[in-house]
N, C-alpha and C. Protein backbone atom coordinates (compact mmCIF):
# COMPACT_ATOMS: atom_id res chain seq x y z
N MET A 1 104.38 121.58 124.29
CA MET A 1 102.82 120.59 123.62
C MET A 1 103.99 119.49 123.30
N ILE A 2 104.93 119.55 122.48
CA ILE A 2 105.91 118.75 121.87
C ILE A 2 106.26 117.87 123.16
N ASP A 3 106.73 118.16 124.15
CA ASP A 3 107.19 117.73 125.21
C ASP A 3 106.25 116.34 125.98
N ASP A 4 105.13 117.42 125.67
CA ASP A 4 103.85 116.33 126.62
C ASP A 4 103.50 115.39 125.58
N LEU A 5 103.37 115.67 124.69
CA LEU A 5 103.29 114.55 123.42
C LEU A 5 104.02 113.40 123.82
N ARG A 6 105.13 113.32 123.74
CA ARG A 6 106.20 112.26 123.77
C ARG A 6 106.29 112.00 125.29
N LEU A 7 105.93 112.43 126.13
CA LEU A 7 105.46 111.93 127.75
C LEU A 7 104.32 110.73 127.57
N LEU A 8 103.00 111.73 126.67
CA LEU A 8 101.95 110.80 126.92
C LEU A 8 102.02 109.61 125.94
N PHE A 9 102.92 109.47 124.88
CA PHE A 9 103.19 108.69 124.04
C PHE A 9 104.05 107.99 123.74
N GLY A 10 105.00 108.43 124.03
CA GLY A 10 106.64 107.42 124.41
C GLY A 10 106.90 106.40 123.46
N PRO A 11 105.95 105.48 123.72
CA PRO A 11 106.20 104.24 123.10
C PRO A 11 106.04 104.21 121.68
N LEU A 12 104.83 105.10 121.24
CA LEU A 12 104.90 105.12 119.76
C LEU A 12 105.43 106.28 119.14
N LEU A 13 106.11 107.11 120.04
CA LEU A 13 106.85 108.03 119.26
C LEU A 13 108.46 107.82 119.16
N ALA A 14 108.60 106.21 119.60
CA ALA A 14 109.93 105.81 119.99
C ALA A 14 110.35 105.13 118.64
N PRO A 15 111.71 105.67 118.46
CA PRO A 15 112.64 104.96 117.14
C PRO A 15 112.48 103.59 117.34
N ALA A 16 111.66 103.01 115.72
CA ALA A 16 111.66 101.33 115.30
C ALA A 16 112.78 101.13 114.59
N PHE A 17 113.52 101.87 114.01
CA PHE A 17 114.70 102.24 113.08
C PHE A 17 115.12 103.46 112.59
N THR A 18 116.35 103.44 111.78
CA THR A 18 116.74 104.62 111.22
C THR A 18 116.85 104.58 109.66
N LEU A 19 116.57 105.83 109.11
CA LEU A 19 116.21 105.36 107.89
C LEU A 19 117.02 106.86 107.31
N TRP A 20 117.76 106.74 106.45
CA TRP A 20 118.59 107.87 105.97
C TRP A 20 118.88 109.01 107.22
N GLU A 21 119.55 108.38 108.26
CA GLU A 21 120.26 109.22 109.50
C GLU A 21 119.02 109.90 109.95
N SER A 22 117.73 109.78 109.78
CA SER A 22 116.71 109.93 110.65
C SER A 22 115.74 108.95 111.39
N PRO A 23 115.15 108.87 112.66
CA PRO A 23 114.67 107.93 113.27
C PRO A 23 113.22 107.95 112.57
N VAL A 24 112.86 106.75 112.24
CA VAL A 24 111.21 106.27 112.27
C VAL A 24 110.49 105.70 113.19
N THR A 25 109.59 106.43 113.46
CA THR A 25 108.89 105.96 114.97
C THR A 25 107.70 104.69 114.69
N TRP A 26 107.78 104.05 115.56
CA TRP A 26 106.75 103.27 115.46
C TRP A 26 105.10 103.57 115.09
N ALA A 27 105.03 104.84 115.29
CA ALA A 27 103.79 105.45 114.98
C ALA A 27 103.51 105.61 113.69
N GLU A 28 104.70 105.94 113.15
CA GLU A 28 104.76 106.09 111.15
C GLU A 28 104.96 104.39 110.67
N VAL A 29 105.53 103.94 111.52
CA VAL A 29 105.73 102.53 110.87
C VAL A 29 104.25 101.58 110.53
N THR A 30 103.29 101.97 111.52
CA THR A 30 101.77 101.53 111.74
C THR A 30 101.10 102.24 110.84
N ALA A 31 101.35 103.38 111.16
CA ALA A 31 100.21 104.26 109.97
C ALA A 31 100.56 104.23 108.67
N PHE A 32 102.08 103.55 107.86
CA PHE A 32 102.30 103.30 106.89
C PHE A 32 101.49 102.14 106.36
N VAL A 33 101.75 101.07 107.30
CA VAL A 33 101.12 99.84 106.75
C VAL A 33 99.47 100.36 106.69
N LEU A 34 98.57 100.50 107.62
CA LEU A 34 97.19 100.92 107.89
C LEU A 34 97.12 101.74 106.17
N GLY A 35 97.98 102.65 106.31
CA GLY A 35 97.46 103.48 104.85
C GLY A 35 97.58 102.90 103.76
N LEU A 36 98.55 102.17 103.34
CA LEU A 36 98.33 101.59 102.22
C LEU A 36 97.43 100.54 102.25
N TRP A 37 96.92 99.81 103.15
CA TRP A 37 95.64 99.14 103.02
C TRP A 37 94.65 99.85 103.00
N MET A 38 94.50 100.60 103.95
CA MET A 38 93.02 101.63 103.34
C MET A 38 92.85 101.95 101.84
N VAL A 39 94.01 102.51 101.22
CA VAL A 39 93.78 103.32 99.71
C VAL A 39 93.72 101.52 98.68
N GLU A 40 94.19 100.58 99.08
CA GLU A 40 93.90 99.62 98.43
C GLU A 40 92.04 98.89 98.52
N ARG A 41 91.62 99.11 99.79
CA ARG A 41 90.27 99.27 99.84
C ARG A 41 89.20 100.42 99.17
N ASN A 42 89.93 101.46 99.28
CA ASN A 42 89.67 102.53 98.68
C ASN A 42 89.17 102.49 96.91
N ILE A 43 90.10 102.37 96.72
CA ILE A 43 90.30 101.80 95.20
C ILE A 43 89.18 100.49 95.03
N ARG A 44 89.15 99.68 95.58
CA ARG A 44 87.76 98.13 95.46
C ARG A 44 86.85 98.67 95.76
N VAL A 45 86.67 100.05 96.35
CA VAL A 45 85.24 100.52 96.62
C VAL A 45 84.47 99.83 97.79
N HIS A 46 85.21 99.41 98.89
CA HIS A 46 85.13 98.84 99.97
C HIS A 46 85.29 99.30 101.08
N PRO A 47 83.99 99.73 101.82
CA PRO A 47 83.93 100.25 102.89
C PRO A 47 85.08 100.13 103.99
N LEU A 48 85.64 98.93 104.11
CA LEU A 48 86.80 98.61 105.24
C LEU A 48 87.70 99.72 104.98
N GLY A 49 87.54 100.03 103.89
CA GLY A 49 88.92 101.37 103.98
C GLY A 49 88.55 102.70 104.92
N TRP A 50 87.54 102.89 105.34
CA TRP A 50 87.01 103.93 106.13
C TRP A 50 87.45 103.68 107.70
N PRO A 51 87.07 102.43 108.38
CA PRO A 51 87.86 102.68 109.75
C PRO A 51 89.36 102.61 109.63
N LEU A 52 89.99 102.05 108.60
CA LEU A 52 91.30 101.79 108.35
C LEU A 52 91.99 103.69 108.10
N ALA A 53 90.78 104.27 107.68
CA ALA A 53 91.58 105.53 107.36
C ALA A 53 91.47 106.14 108.82
N ILE A 54 90.49 105.89 109.50
CA ILE A 54 90.14 106.23 111.08
C ILE A 54 91.58 106.18 112.25
N ALA A 55 92.07 104.79 111.99
CA ALA A 55 93.00 104.51 112.88
C ALA A 55 94.18 105.02 111.99
N SER A 56 94.38 105.41 111.14
CA SER A 56 95.68 105.80 110.36
C SER A 56 95.83 107.28 110.65
N SER A 57 94.73 107.51 110.51
CA SER A 57 94.58 109.39 110.92
C SER A 57 94.81 109.73 111.90
N ALA A 58 94.32 108.72 113.01
CA ALA A 58 94.90 109.05 114.73
C ALA A 58 96.57 108.99 114.44
N LEU A 59 96.98 108.39 114.20
CA LEU A 59 98.63 107.79 114.37
C LEU A 59 99.17 109.00 113.72
N TYR A 60 98.81 109.19 112.37
CA TYR A 60 99.65 110.60 111.64
C TYR A 60 99.34 111.76 112.60
N ALA A 61 97.93 111.94 113.32
CA ALA A 61 98.16 113.31 113.89
C ALA A 61 99.01 113.92 115.21
N LEU A 62 99.59 112.55 115.73
CA LEU A 62 100.27 112.20 116.63
C LEU A 62 101.78 112.30 116.27
N LEU A 63 101.69 111.99 114.87
CA LEU A 63 103.36 112.02 114.54
C LEU A 63 103.48 113.48 113.95
N PHE A 64 102.42 114.09 112.91
CA PHE A 64 102.64 115.07 112.35
C PHE A 64 102.81 116.37 113.68
N ALA A 65 101.66 116.21 114.32
CA ALA A 65 102.20 117.00 115.88
C ALA A 65 103.41 117.13 116.32
N ASP A 66 104.60 116.23 116.34
CA ASP A 66 105.54 116.29 116.71
C ASP A 66 106.61 116.52 115.97
N ALA A 67 105.94 116.98 114.46
CA ALA A 67 106.98 117.05 113.52
C ALA A 67 106.83 119.06 113.39
N ARG A 68 105.72 119.05 114.29
CA ARG A 68 104.90 120.42 113.92
C ARG A 68 104.42 121.11 112.61
N LEU A 69 103.83 120.10 112.09
CA LEU A 69 102.86 120.21 111.09
C LEU A 69 101.55 120.31 111.79
N TYR A 70 101.51 121.66 112.20
CA TYR A 70 99.94 121.58 113.12
C TYR A 70 98.79 121.75 111.67
N GLY A 71 98.78 122.03 110.65
CA GLY A 71 97.73 122.10 109.80
C GLY A 71 97.63 120.66 109.35
N GLU A 72 98.79 119.65 109.14
CA GLU A 72 98.45 118.64 108.81
C GLU A 72 97.99 117.53 109.84
N ALA A 73 98.78 117.99 111.41
CA ALA A 73 98.23 117.06 112.26
C ALA A 73 96.48 117.82 112.47
N GLY A 74 95.69 118.63 112.45
CA GLY A 74 94.64 119.03 112.79
C GLY A 74 93.83 118.60 111.76
N LEU A 75 93.78 118.12 110.45
CA LEU A 75 93.70 117.92 109.35
C LEU A 75 93.46 116.30 109.55
N GLN A 76 94.01 115.69 110.26
CA GLN A 76 93.51 114.09 110.80
C GLN A 76 92.67 114.44 111.24
N GLY A 77 92.51 115.22 112.32
CA GLY A 77 91.24 114.93 113.28
C GLY A 77 90.04 114.99 112.41
N PHE A 78 90.05 116.22 111.15
CA PHE A 78 89.12 116.36 110.25
C PHE A 78 88.66 115.13 110.00
N PHE A 79 90.12 114.03 109.61
CA PHE A 79 89.66 112.70 108.48
C PHE A 79 89.19 111.89 109.45
N ILE A 80 89.26 112.45 110.78
CA ILE A 80 88.45 110.98 111.54
C ILE A 80 87.00 111.38 111.59
N VAL A 81 86.36 112.16 111.26
CA VAL A 81 85.49 112.70 111.30
C VAL A 81 84.50 112.18 109.97
N VAL A 82 85.29 112.95 109.20
CA VAL A 82 84.98 112.27 107.80
C VAL A 82 84.89 111.01 107.32
N SER A 83 85.62 110.55 107.85
CA SER A 83 85.48 108.99 107.64
C SER A 83 84.82 108.30 108.28
N ALA A 84 84.42 108.52 109.45
CA ALA A 84 83.00 107.78 110.12
C ALA A 84 81.87 108.62 109.27
N TRP A 85 81.46 109.44 108.61
CA TRP A 85 80.38 110.19 107.72
C TRP A 85 80.97 109.24 106.20
N GLY A 86 81.91 109.21 105.76
CA GLY A 86 82.00 108.53 104.46
C GLY A 86 81.77 107.31 104.88
N TRP A 87 82.35 106.61 105.97
CA TRP A 87 81.67 105.17 106.31
C TRP A 87 80.22 104.95 105.95
N HIS A 88 79.18 105.63 106.79
CA HIS A 88 78.18 105.84 106.82
C HIS A 88 77.84 105.79 104.87
N GLN A 89 78.37 107.21 104.44
CA GLN A 89 77.79 107.15 102.90
C GLN A 89 77.71 106.13 102.42
N TRP A 90 78.95 105.32 102.47
CA TRP A 90 79.39 103.90 101.68
C TRP A 90 78.48 103.03 101.91
N LEU A 91 77.84 102.92 102.93
CA LEU A 91 77.31 101.72 103.60
C LEU A 91 75.41 102.34 103.43
N ARG A 92 75.19 103.32 103.35
CA ARG A 92 73.82 103.95 103.34
C ARG A 92 73.63 105.33 102.18
N GLY A 93 74.71 105.80 102.17
CA GLY A 93 74.14 107.13 100.93
C GLY A 93 73.71 107.04 99.94
N THR A 94 72.85 107.75 99.64
CA THR A 94 72.34 108.09 98.14
C THR A 94 72.48 109.18 97.35
N GLU A 95 72.06 109.23 95.94
CA GLU A 95 72.21 110.35 95.10
C GLU A 95 70.93 111.23 95.63
N ALA A 96 71.25 112.52 94.82
CA ALA A 96 70.33 113.30 94.53
C ALA A 96 68.53 112.63 94.30
N GLY A 97 68.96 111.59 93.44
CA GLY A 97 67.33 111.40 93.49
C GLY A 97 66.93 109.87 94.23
N GLY A 98 67.98 109.67 95.01
CA GLY A 98 67.20 108.76 95.99
C GLY A 98 68.07 107.30 96.13
N GLY A 99 68.53 107.29 94.59
CA GLY A 99 69.14 106.11 94.44
C GLY A 99 70.31 105.41 95.53
N PRO A 100 71.13 104.30 95.50
CA PRO A 100 71.93 104.26 96.17
C PRO A 100 73.58 105.33 95.02
N LEU A 101 74.06 105.49 96.18
CA LEU A 101 75.59 106.33 95.91
C LEU A 101 76.40 105.56 94.86
N GLN A 102 76.80 105.92 93.85
CA GLN A 102 77.54 105.43 92.58
C GLN A 102 78.62 106.48 92.48
N VAL A 103 79.47 105.49 91.78
CA VAL A 103 81.05 106.13 91.52
C VAL A 103 80.54 107.16 90.45
N ARG A 104 80.70 108.30 90.20
CA ARG A 104 80.34 108.80 88.78
C ARG A 104 81.44 110.29 88.99
N PRO A 105 81.43 110.70 87.79
CA PRO A 105 82.23 111.92 87.81
C PRO A 105 81.17 113.15 88.02
N MET A 106 82.01 114.28 88.56
CA MET A 106 81.12 115.46 88.38
C MET A 106 80.76 116.05 87.82
N PRO A 107 79.85 117.14 87.48
CA PRO A 107 79.54 118.26 86.13
C PRO A 107 80.64 119.05 86.60
N ARG A 108 80.66 119.56 85.08
CA ARG A 108 82.06 120.84 84.95
C ARG A 108 81.52 121.75 86.38
N ARG A 109 80.53 122.36 86.16
CA ARG A 109 80.22 123.69 87.13
C ARG A 109 81.11 123.15 88.76
N GLU A 110 80.56 122.45 88.93
CA GLU A 110 80.93 121.64 90.17
C GLU A 110 82.10 121.74 90.31
N ARG A 111 82.98 121.12 88.79
CA ARG A 111 84.35 120.90 89.19
C ARG A 111 85.25 122.37 89.69
N TRP A 112 84.76 123.41 88.93
CA TRP A 112 85.58 124.36 89.14
C TRP A 112 84.61 125.30 90.40
N PHE A 113 83.63 124.94 90.52
CA PHE A 113 83.42 125.33 92.26
C PHE A 113 84.06 124.69 93.40
N THR A 114 84.59 123.67 93.10
CA THR A 114 85.41 123.00 93.91
C THR A 114 86.84 123.59 94.29
N VAL A 115 87.48 123.47 92.73
CA VAL A 115 88.82 124.29 92.45
C VAL A 115 88.97 125.79 93.26
N LEU A 116 87.94 126.88 93.19
CA LEU A 116 87.89 127.67 93.51
C LEU A 116 87.86 127.68 94.91
N ALA A 117 87.06 127.19 95.15
CA ALA A 117 86.86 126.93 97.10
C ALA A 117 88.07 126.66 97.73
N THR A 118 88.80 125.64 97.01
CA THR A 118 90.04 125.00 97.77
C THR A 118 90.87 126.39 97.69
N LEU A 119 91.19 126.67 96.44
CA LEU A 119 92.24 128.10 96.41
C LEU A 119 92.18 129.10 97.34
N ALA A 120 90.44 129.15 97.51
CA ALA A 120 90.39 130.60 98.51
C ALA A 120 90.55 129.71 99.90
N ALA A 121 90.73 128.69 100.19
CA ALA A 121 90.63 128.18 101.56
C ALA A 121 92.22 128.27 101.69
N TRP A 122 93.00 128.15 100.92
CA TRP A 122 94.53 127.96 101.29
C TRP A 122 95.18 129.44 101.90
N PRO A 123 95.13 130.55 101.14
CA PRO A 123 95.63 131.68 102.05
C PRO A 123 94.96 131.88 103.53
N ALA A 124 93.62 131.80 103.80
CA ALA A 124 92.75 131.79 104.88
C ALA A 124 93.77 130.71 106.01
N LEU A 125 93.97 129.41 105.34
CA LEU A 125 94.27 128.68 106.76
C LEU A 125 95.93 128.98 106.76
N ALA A 126 96.84 129.29 105.71
CA ALA A 126 98.15 129.76 105.88
C ALA A 126 98.19 130.71 106.81
N LEU A 127 97.51 131.78 106.69
CA LEU A 127 97.42 132.99 108.02
C LEU A 127 96.81 132.53 109.21
N LEU A 128 96.38 131.34 109.22
CA LEU A 128 95.84 131.16 110.58
C LEU A 128 97.15 130.49 111.33
N LEU A 129 97.51 129.68 110.49
CA LEU A 129 98.60 129.08 110.62
C LEU A 129 100.31 129.51 111.16
N THR A 130 100.35 130.85 110.29
CA THR A 130 101.07 131.44 110.69
C THR A 130 100.96 132.50 111.88
N ARG A 131 99.67 132.73 112.21
CA ARG A 131 99.60 133.69 113.55
C ARG A 131 99.53 132.92 114.73
N GLY A 132 98.86 131.56 114.46
CA GLY A 132 98.61 130.94 115.58
C GLY A 132 99.23 129.67 116.28
N THR A 133 100.56 129.71 115.33
CA THR A 133 101.35 128.38 115.60
C THR A 133 102.41 128.63 115.57
N ASP A 134 103.48 127.87 115.75
CA ASP A 134 104.86 127.86 115.43
C ASP A 134 105.59 127.47 114.23
N SER A 135 104.34 126.85 113.41
CA SER A 135 105.07 126.19 112.56
C SER A 135 105.94 126.73 111.51
N ASP A 136 107.14 126.15 110.80
CA ASP A 136 108.19 126.58 110.11
C ASP A 136 107.86 126.83 108.64
N VAL A 137 106.48 126.12 108.26
CA VAL A 137 106.36 125.83 106.86
C VAL A 137 104.93 126.14 106.80
N PRO A 138 104.24 127.46 107.35
CA PRO A 138 102.46 127.37 107.11
C PRO A 138 101.94 127.57 105.62
N TRP A 139 102.48 128.20 104.86
CA TRP A 139 102.09 127.93 103.57
C TRP A 139 102.14 126.71 102.76
N LEU A 140 103.58 126.00 102.93
CA LEU A 140 103.31 124.99 102.25
C LEU A 140 102.50 123.86 103.09
N ASP A 141 102.34 123.95 104.60
CA ASP A 141 101.33 122.83 105.15
C ASP A 141 100.12 123.22 105.00
N ALA A 142 99.65 124.40 104.85
CA ALA A 142 98.25 124.88 104.64
C ALA A 142 97.69 124.15 103.27
N LEU A 143 98.60 124.54 102.07
CA LEU A 143 98.00 123.75 100.62
C LEU A 143 97.59 122.53 100.59
N PRO A 144 98.61 121.31 100.80
CA PRO A 144 98.03 120.19 100.89
C PRO A 144 96.93 119.58 102.18
N THR A 145 96.71 120.46 102.97
CA THR A 145 95.57 120.56 104.26
C THR A 145 94.40 120.84 103.44
N VAL A 146 94.10 121.84 102.80
CA VAL A 146 93.14 122.44 102.47
C VAL A 146 92.62 121.01 101.14
N ALA A 147 93.38 121.00 100.25
CA ALA A 147 93.25 120.16 99.02
C ALA A 147 92.92 118.64 99.86
N SER A 148 93.54 117.97 100.66
CA SER A 148 93.50 116.93 101.64
C SER A 148 91.54 117.25 101.82
N VAL A 149 90.82 118.28 102.18
CA VAL A 149 89.80 118.49 102.68
C VAL A 149 88.84 118.27 101.73
N THR A 150 89.15 118.71 100.49
CA THR A 150 88.17 118.62 99.20
C THR A 150 88.47 117.20 99.00
N GLY A 151 89.88 116.99 98.70
CA GLY A 151 89.64 115.27 98.67
C GLY A 151 88.66 114.02 98.96
N GLN A 152 89.14 114.07 100.90
CA GLN A 152 88.17 113.71 101.19
C GLN A 152 87.12 113.41 101.06
N TRP A 153 86.15 114.95 101.05
CA TRP A 153 84.85 114.73 100.98
C TRP A 153 84.55 114.18 99.50
N LEU A 154 85.00 114.05 98.73
CA LEU A 154 84.91 113.75 97.27
C LEU A 154 84.92 112.11 97.37
N LEU A 155 85.97 111.76 97.95
CA LEU A 155 86.03 110.42 98.18
C LEU A 155 84.82 109.80 98.57
N ALA A 156 84.21 110.62 99.83
CA ALA A 156 83.26 110.24 100.73
C ALA A 156 81.98 110.16 99.84
N ARG A 157 81.53 110.86 98.78
CA ARG A 157 80.71 110.76 97.48
C ARG A 157 80.88 110.36 96.50
N LYS A 158 82.20 109.34 96.45
CA LYS A 158 82.44 108.49 95.34
C LYS A 158 82.66 109.15 94.03
N ARG A 159 83.36 110.49 94.07
CA ARG A 159 83.44 111.03 92.93
C ARG A 159 84.57 111.05 92.09
N VAL A 160 84.63 110.67 90.87
CA VAL A 160 85.80 110.21 90.22
C VAL A 160 87.11 110.95 90.53
N GLU A 161 86.73 112.51 90.48
CA GLU A 161 88.02 113.41 90.47
C GLU A 161 88.72 113.48 92.07
N ALA A 162 88.12 113.04 92.85
CA ALA A 162 88.27 112.63 94.30
C ALA A 162 90.22 112.43 94.04
N TRP A 163 90.47 111.10 92.97
CA TRP A 163 91.76 110.25 92.84
C TRP A 163 92.86 111.83 92.28
N ALA A 164 91.80 112.32 91.62
CA ALA A 164 92.91 113.63 90.94
C ALA A 164 93.54 114.52 92.21
N VAL A 165 92.84 114.73 92.73
CA VAL A 165 92.86 115.66 93.81
C VAL A 165 93.76 115.30 94.77
N TRP A 166 93.52 113.51 95.22
CA TRP A 166 94.55 113.12 95.95
C TRP A 166 96.02 113.01 95.19
N LEU A 167 96.11 112.86 94.01
CA LEU A 167 97.38 112.85 93.15
C LEU A 167 98.06 113.67 93.29
N ALA A 168 97.55 115.09 93.41
CA ALA A 168 97.92 116.42 93.56
C ALA A 168 98.35 116.46 94.98
N VAL A 169 97.43 116.32 96.08
CA VAL A 169 97.93 115.96 97.19
C VAL A 169 99.43 115.23 97.66
N ASN A 170 99.29 113.86 96.81
CA ASN A 170 100.26 113.14 97.56
C ASN A 170 101.70 113.77 97.12
N VAL A 171 101.92 114.28 95.52
CA VAL A 171 102.85 114.55 94.91
C VAL A 171 103.49 115.77 95.42
N PHE A 172 102.78 116.69 96.57
CA PHE A 172 103.04 117.82 96.80
C PHE A 172 103.82 117.43 98.16
N SER A 173 103.13 116.41 98.87
CA SER A 173 103.44 116.13 99.88
C SER A 173 104.67 115.39 100.18
N VAL A 174 105.34 114.61 99.07
CA VAL A 174 106.66 114.04 98.81
C VAL A 174 107.38 115.03 99.58
N GLY A 175 107.26 115.68 98.86
CA GLY A 175 108.35 117.39 99.12
C GLY A 175 108.58 117.61 100.35
N LEU A 176 107.32 117.92 100.91
CA LEU A 176 107.27 118.27 102.26
C LEU A 176 107.28 117.71 103.20
N PHE A 177 107.16 116.29 103.16
CA PHE A 177 107.17 115.27 104.38
C PHE A 177 108.80 114.88 104.27
N ALA A 178 109.67 114.94 103.03
CA ALA A 178 110.81 114.98 103.09
C ALA A 178 111.87 115.96 103.30
N TYR A 179 111.41 117.11 103.30
CA TYR A 179 111.87 118.48 103.85
C TYR A 179 111.73 118.24 105.40
N LYS A 180 110.78 117.72 106.21
CA LYS A 180 110.65 117.38 107.57
C LYS A 180 111.63 116.19 107.95
N ALA A 181 112.23 115.82 107.05
CA ALA A 181 112.83 114.38 107.45
C ALA A 181 112.01 112.90 107.67
N LEU A 182 110.48 113.28 107.52
CA LEU A 182 109.79 111.98 107.65
C LEU A 182 109.87 111.20 106.43
N TRP A 183 111.11 110.19 106.07
CA TRP A 183 111.02 109.73 105.10
C TRP A 183 110.19 108.61 104.75
N LEU A 184 110.17 107.97 106.09
CA LEU A 184 108.93 106.59 105.59
C LEU A 184 107.41 107.35 105.05
N THR A 185 107.28 108.71 105.60
CA THR A 185 105.70 109.11 105.32
C THR A 185 105.99 109.53 103.58
N ALA A 186 107.04 110.16 103.56
CA ALA A 186 107.69 110.73 102.03
C ALA A 186 107.29 109.43 100.99
N LEU A 187 108.02 108.54 101.75
CA LEU A 187 107.48 107.07 100.72
C LEU A 187 106.60 106.73 100.18
N LEU A 188 105.73 106.94 101.48
CA LEU A 188 104.32 106.37 101.85
C LEU A 188 103.58 107.29 100.69
N TYR A 189 103.55 108.47 100.56
CA TYR A 189 102.70 109.15 99.84
C TYR A 189 103.29 109.17 98.27
N ALA A 190 104.60 108.87 98.33
CA ALA A 190 105.19 108.07 96.96
C ALA A 190 104.21 107.13 96.33
N VAL A 191 104.07 106.19 97.41
CA VAL A 191 103.39 105.57 96.88
C VAL A 191 101.76 105.41 96.69
N PHE A 192 101.46 106.34 97.64
CA PHE A 192 100.09 107.22 97.33
C PHE A 192 99.63 107.57 95.98
N ALA A 193 100.39 108.18 95.28
CA ALA A 193 100.54 108.91 94.36
C ALA A 193 100.33 108.08 93.25
N VAL A 194 101.50 106.98 93.05
CA VAL A 194 101.00 105.54 92.13
C VAL A 194 99.62 105.06 92.20
N LEU A 195 99.04 105.11 93.51
CA LEU A 195 97.83 104.31 93.81
C LEU A 195 96.58 105.43 93.23
N SER A 196 96.81 106.43 93.18
CA SER A 196 96.09 107.71 93.15
C SER A 196 95.83 107.60 91.60
N VAL A 197 96.88 107.10 90.89
CA VAL A 197 96.36 106.94 89.27
C VAL A 197 95.73 105.88 88.97
N ALA A 198 95.97 104.84 89.85
CA ALA A 198 95.25 103.39 89.70
C ALA A 198 93.72 103.42 89.94
N GLY A 199 93.62 104.21 91.09
CA GLY A 199 92.30 104.55 91.63
C GLY A 199 91.66 105.28 90.75
N TRP A 200 92.43 106.35 89.75
CA TRP A 200 91.72 107.34 89.00
C TRP A 200 91.33 106.24 87.88
N ARG A 201 92.01 105.52 87.29
CA ARG A 201 91.42 104.59 86.21
C ARG A 201 90.81 103.57 86.29
N ALA A 202 90.58 103.07 87.73
CA ALA A 202 89.58 102.12 88.08
C ALA A 202 88.14 102.72 88.25
N TRP A 203 88.26 104.08 88.78
CA TRP A 203 87.04 104.76 89.26
C TRP A 203 86.39 105.37 87.76
N ARG A 204 87.02 105.40 86.61
CA ARG A 204 86.71 106.11 85.70
C ARG A 204 86.19 104.68 85.08
N ARG A 205 86.48 103.57 84.94
CA ARG A 205 85.97 102.17 84.56
C ARG A 205 84.77 101.92 84.84
N LEU A 206 84.57 102.24 86.43
CA LEU A 206 83.38 101.70 87.16
C LEU A 206 82.37 102.80 86.80
N ALA A 207 82.75 104.32 86.87
CA ALA A 207 81.61 105.32 86.13
C ALA A 207 81.34 105.03 84.70
N ALA A 208 82.08 104.47 83.85
CA ALA A 208 81.44 104.25 82.88
C ALA A 208 80.72 103.12 82.76
N ALA A 209 81.01 101.99 83.27
CA ALA A 209 80.34 100.72 83.48
C ALA A 209 78.83 100.96 84.31
N GLY A 210 78.89 101.86 85.32
CA GLY A 210 77.56 102.29 85.52
C GLY A 210 77.25 101.34 87.04
N GLN A 211 78.25 100.74 87.80
CA GLN A 211 77.95 99.99 88.77
C GLN A 211 79.18 99.68 89.34
N PRO A 212 79.15 99.65 90.73
CA PRO A 212 80.41 99.49 91.74
C PRO A 212 80.41 97.73 91.50
N PRO A 213 82.35 97.43 91.94
CA PRO A 213 82.24 96.21 92.01
C PRO A 213 81.60 95.70 93.17
N ALA A 214 81.91 93.97 93.54
CA ALA A 214 81.56 93.39 94.53
C ALA A 214 81.68 93.90 95.73
N GLN A 215 81.25 93.99 97.00
CA GLN A 215 81.97 94.45 98.18
C GLN A 215 82.99 93.57 98.68
N GLY A 216 82.49 92.39 98.45
CA GLY A 216 83.54 91.06 98.94
C GLY A 216 84.76 91.29 98.34
N THR A 217 85.45 91.72 97.73
CA THR A 217 86.85 91.79 96.82
C THR A 217 87.48 92.74 97.65
């Protein structure tokens, strides 16, 4: 499978430079830049973040499959679908009462349900990766995968807690990607962790104010 990927996408998987004695591919460099731009747009509640997410996810799917992180690779396909849905949500989505989708926190009961559902999905995916792939880190791969599904759904619905989920995912992922010697991606997720804090604070202010920022910012 990996040999087929390298045959089809040779130029993207070719090394651009070496970092800490590990090659950094053009796919990783491009995804790094797109990922930073995406988060900056998300913090500002700007819809451009979603097509950037689609492009970045496509590149990361290739990169993670090449690194045998199949849970993370499959997650990128999910991200592409959810990003298209999230794009529509931010442009046309409504709240339960029919009003425009607004940045707001989740009710406490919904928070607990979301946490429990995420924790329940973790061992299910880990067992699937253990039995169905040659992943060498199935449990470590599965945890940020299922949590990322939660984070992406909350982001699409403009829920403040999305940033708390992403903070946890990003911090955990730094260690995972460092273990797999994906150094530029580990650095990106460290930056994502810092941006998650900024996004959390920004969206809490927006929720308190009861209105989104100007879409042209």
